[in-house]
C-alpha atoms as a PDB file:
ATOM      1  CA  MET A   1       2.844 -70.643   0.030  1.00  0.00           C
ATOM      2  CA  LYS A   2       3.213 -71.370  -3.657  1.00  0.00           C
ATOM      3  CA  GLU A   3      -0.237 -69.900  -4.351  1.00  0.00           C
ATOM      4  CA  VAL A   4       0.595 -66.714  -2.459  1.00  0.00           C
ATOM      5  CA  LYS A   5       3.821 -66.245  -4.414  1.00  0.00           C
ATOM      6  CA  GLY A   6       2.041 -66.935  -7.689  1.00  0.00           C
ATOM      7  CA  ASN A   7      -0.734 -64.428  -6.977  1.00  0.00           C
ATOM      8  CA  PHE A   8       1.346 -61.807  -5.204  1.00  0.00           C
ATOM      9  CA  LYS A   9       0.654 -59.005  -7.707  1.00  0.00           C
ATOM     10  CA  LEU A  10      -3.105 -59.546  -7.544  1.00  0.00           C
ATOM     11  CA  LEU A  11      -3.081 -59.754  -3.748  1.00  0.00           C
ATOM     12  CA  PHE A  12      -0.959 -56.613  -3.528  1.00  0.00           C
ATOM     13  CA  ALA A  13      -3.304 -54.704  -5.856  1.00  0.00           C
ATOM     14  CA  ASN A  14      -6.306 -55.802  -3.801  1.00  0.00           C
ATOM     15  CA  SER A  15      -4.572 -54.711  -0.601  1.00  0.00           C
ATOM     16  CA  VAL A  16      -3.822 -51.272  -2.003  1.00  0.00           C
ATOM     17  CA  LEU A  17      -7.402 -50.893  -3.229  1.00  0.00           C
ATOM     18  CA  TYR A  18      -8.755 -51.869   0.196  1.00  0.00           C
ATOM     19  CA  LEU A  19      -6.393 -49.357   1.810  1.00  0.00           C
ATOM     20  CA  VAL A  20      -7.674 -46.561  -0.437  1.00  0.00           C
ATOM     21  CA  VAL A  21     -11.300 -47.478   0.261  1.00  0.00           C
ATOM     22  CA  SER A  22     -10.612 -47.529   4.005  1.00  0.00           C
ATOM     23  CA  PHE A  23      -9.060 -44.059   3.857  1.00  0.00           C
ATOM     24  CA  LEU A  24     -12.071 -42.782   1.920  1.00  0.00           C
ATOM     25  CA  VAL A  25     -14.462 -44.222   4.504  1.00  0.00           C
ATOM     26  CA  PHE A  26     -12.549 -42.670   7.380  1.00  0.00           C
ATOM     27  CA  SER A  27     -12.441 -39.311   5.612  1.00  0.00           C
ATOM     28  CA  ALA A  28     -16.190 -39.580   4.997  1.00  0.00           C
ATOM     29  CA  PHE A  29     -16.756 -39.809   8.749  1.00  0.00           C
ATOM     30  CA  ILE A  30     -15.340 -36.293   9.028  1.00  0.00           C
ATOM     31  CA  GLY A  31     -17.801 -34.611   6.691  1.00  0.00           C
ATOM     32  CA  ALA A  32     -20.907 -36.775   6.548  1.00  0.00           C
ATOM     33  CA  PRO A  33     -23.430 -38.307   8.930  1.00  0.00           C
ATOM     34  CA  VAL A  34     -22.079 -41.524  10.420  1.00  0.00           C
ATOM     35  CA  ALA A  35     -25.297 -43.467   9.756  1.00  0.00           C
ATOM     36  CA  LEU A  36     -25.162 -42.643   6.056  1.00  0.00           C
ATOM     37  CA  VAL A  37     -21.482 -43.523   5.759  1.00  0.00           C
ATOM     38  CA  MET A  38     -22.017 -46.880   7.453  1.00  0.00           C
ATOM     39  CA  ALA A  39     -25.030 -47.643   5.256  1.00  0.00           C
ATOM     40  CA  ILE A  40     -23.072 -46.929   2.103  1.00  0.00           C
ATOM     41  CA  LYS A  41     -20.079 -48.882   3.391  1.00  0.00           C
ATOM     42  CA  ARG A  42     -22.309 -51.879   4.017  1.00  0.00           C
ATOM     43  CA  LEU A  43     -23.546 -51.663   0.435  1.00  0.00           C
ATOM     44  CA  GLN A  44     -20.198 -53.121  -0.573  1.00  0.00           C
ATOM     45  CA  ILE A  45     -21.921 -56.473  -0.076  1.00  0.00           C
ATOM     46  CA  PHE A  46     -24.049 -55.623  -3.125  1.00  0.00           C
ATOM     47  CA  PHE A  47     -20.969 -55.025  -5.244  1.00  0.00           C
ATOM     48  CA  ILE A  48     -19.369 -58.222  -3.984  1.00  0.00           C
ATOM     49  CA  LEU A  49     -22.494 -60.153  -5.013  1.00  0.00           C
ATOM     50  CA  ILE A  50     -22.500 -58.560  -8.467  1.00  0.00           C
ATOM     51  CA  LEU A  51     -18.771 -59.090  -9.067  1.00  0.00           C
ATOM     52  CA  GLY A  52     -18.998 -62.670  -7.812  1.00  0.00           C
ATOM     53  CA  LEU A  53     -21.896 -63.283 -10.171  1.00  0.00           C
ATOM     54  CA  ILE A  54     -20.068 -61.797 -13.165  1.00  0.00           C
ATOM     55  CA  PHE A  55     -16.514 -63.023 -12.664  1.00  0.00           C
ATOM     56  CA  LEU A  56     -16.821 -66.134 -10.519  1.00  0.00           C
ATOM     57  CA  LYS A  57     -20.194 -67.391 -11.774  1.00  0.00           C
ATOM     58  CA  ASP A  58     -21.357 -67.550  -8.161  1.00  0.00           C
ATOM     59  CA  LYS A  59     -25.070 -68.020  -7.532  1.00  0.00           C
ATOM     60  CA  PRO A  60     -26.066 -66.052  -4.404  1.00  0.00           C
ATOM     61  CA  THR A  61     -29.132 -67.262  -2.551  1.00  0.00           C
ATOM     62  CA  LYS A  62     -32.466 -65.508  -2.657  1.00  0.00           C
ATOM     63  CA  HIS A  63     -31.943 -64.436   0.945  1.00  0.00           C
ATOM     64  CA  ALA A  64     -28.679 -62.677   0.086  1.00  0.00           C
ATOM     65  CA  TRP A  65     -30.418 -60.631  -2.624  1.00  0.00           C
ATOM     66  CA  ILE A  66     -33.292 -59.746  -0.286  1.00  0.00           C
ATOM     67  CA  ALA A  67     -30.870 -58.645   2.446  1.00  0.00           C
ATOM     68  CA  THR A  68     -28.966 -56.530  -0.066  1.00  0.00           C
ATOM     69  CA  ALA A  69     -32.173 -54.887  -1.258  1.00  0.00           C
ATOM     70  CA  ILE A  70     -33.141 -54.093   2.345  1.00  0.00           C
ATOM     71  CA  MET A  71     -29.718 -52.515   2.963  1.00  0.00           C
ATOM     72  CA  ALA A  72     -30.009 -50.417  -0.209  1.00  0.00           C
ATOM     73  CA  PHE A  73     -33.499 -49.298   0.780  1.00  0.00           C
ATOM     74  CA  GLY A  74     -32.227 -48.404   4.267  1.00  0.00           C
ATOM     75  CA  ALA A  75     -29.421 -46.306   2.809  1.00  0.00           C
ATOM     76  CA  LEU A  76     -31.937 -44.514   0.615  1.00  0.00           C
ATOM     77  CA  LEU A  77     -34.205 -43.807   3.599  1.00  0.00           C
ATOM     78  CA  ILE A  78     -31.272 -42.461   5.618  1.00  0.00           C
ATOM     79  CA  LYS A  79     -30.321 -40.164   2.736  1.00  0.00           C
ATOM     80  CA  LEU A  80     -33.877 -38.920   2.283  1.00  0.00           C
ATOM     81  CA  GLY A  81     -34.402 -38.417   6.044  1.00  0.00           C
END
């Protein structure tokens, strides 16, 4: 409980950011193909890997990078198709 109280501002900011992103995804379903929206939404894993690498000095496995590349390639194919 002490950690939550100490990091309340950061947790609140993250919650608000996630809320905004969720609203943007739901509004994208209205005007875009669902497959493309889901592919782009799943690309958030790529950004999590990058931010974890930069800020947390996390070392993702080779398999995580390969899976991310496959997802990015799939999103590109959906957009081109």
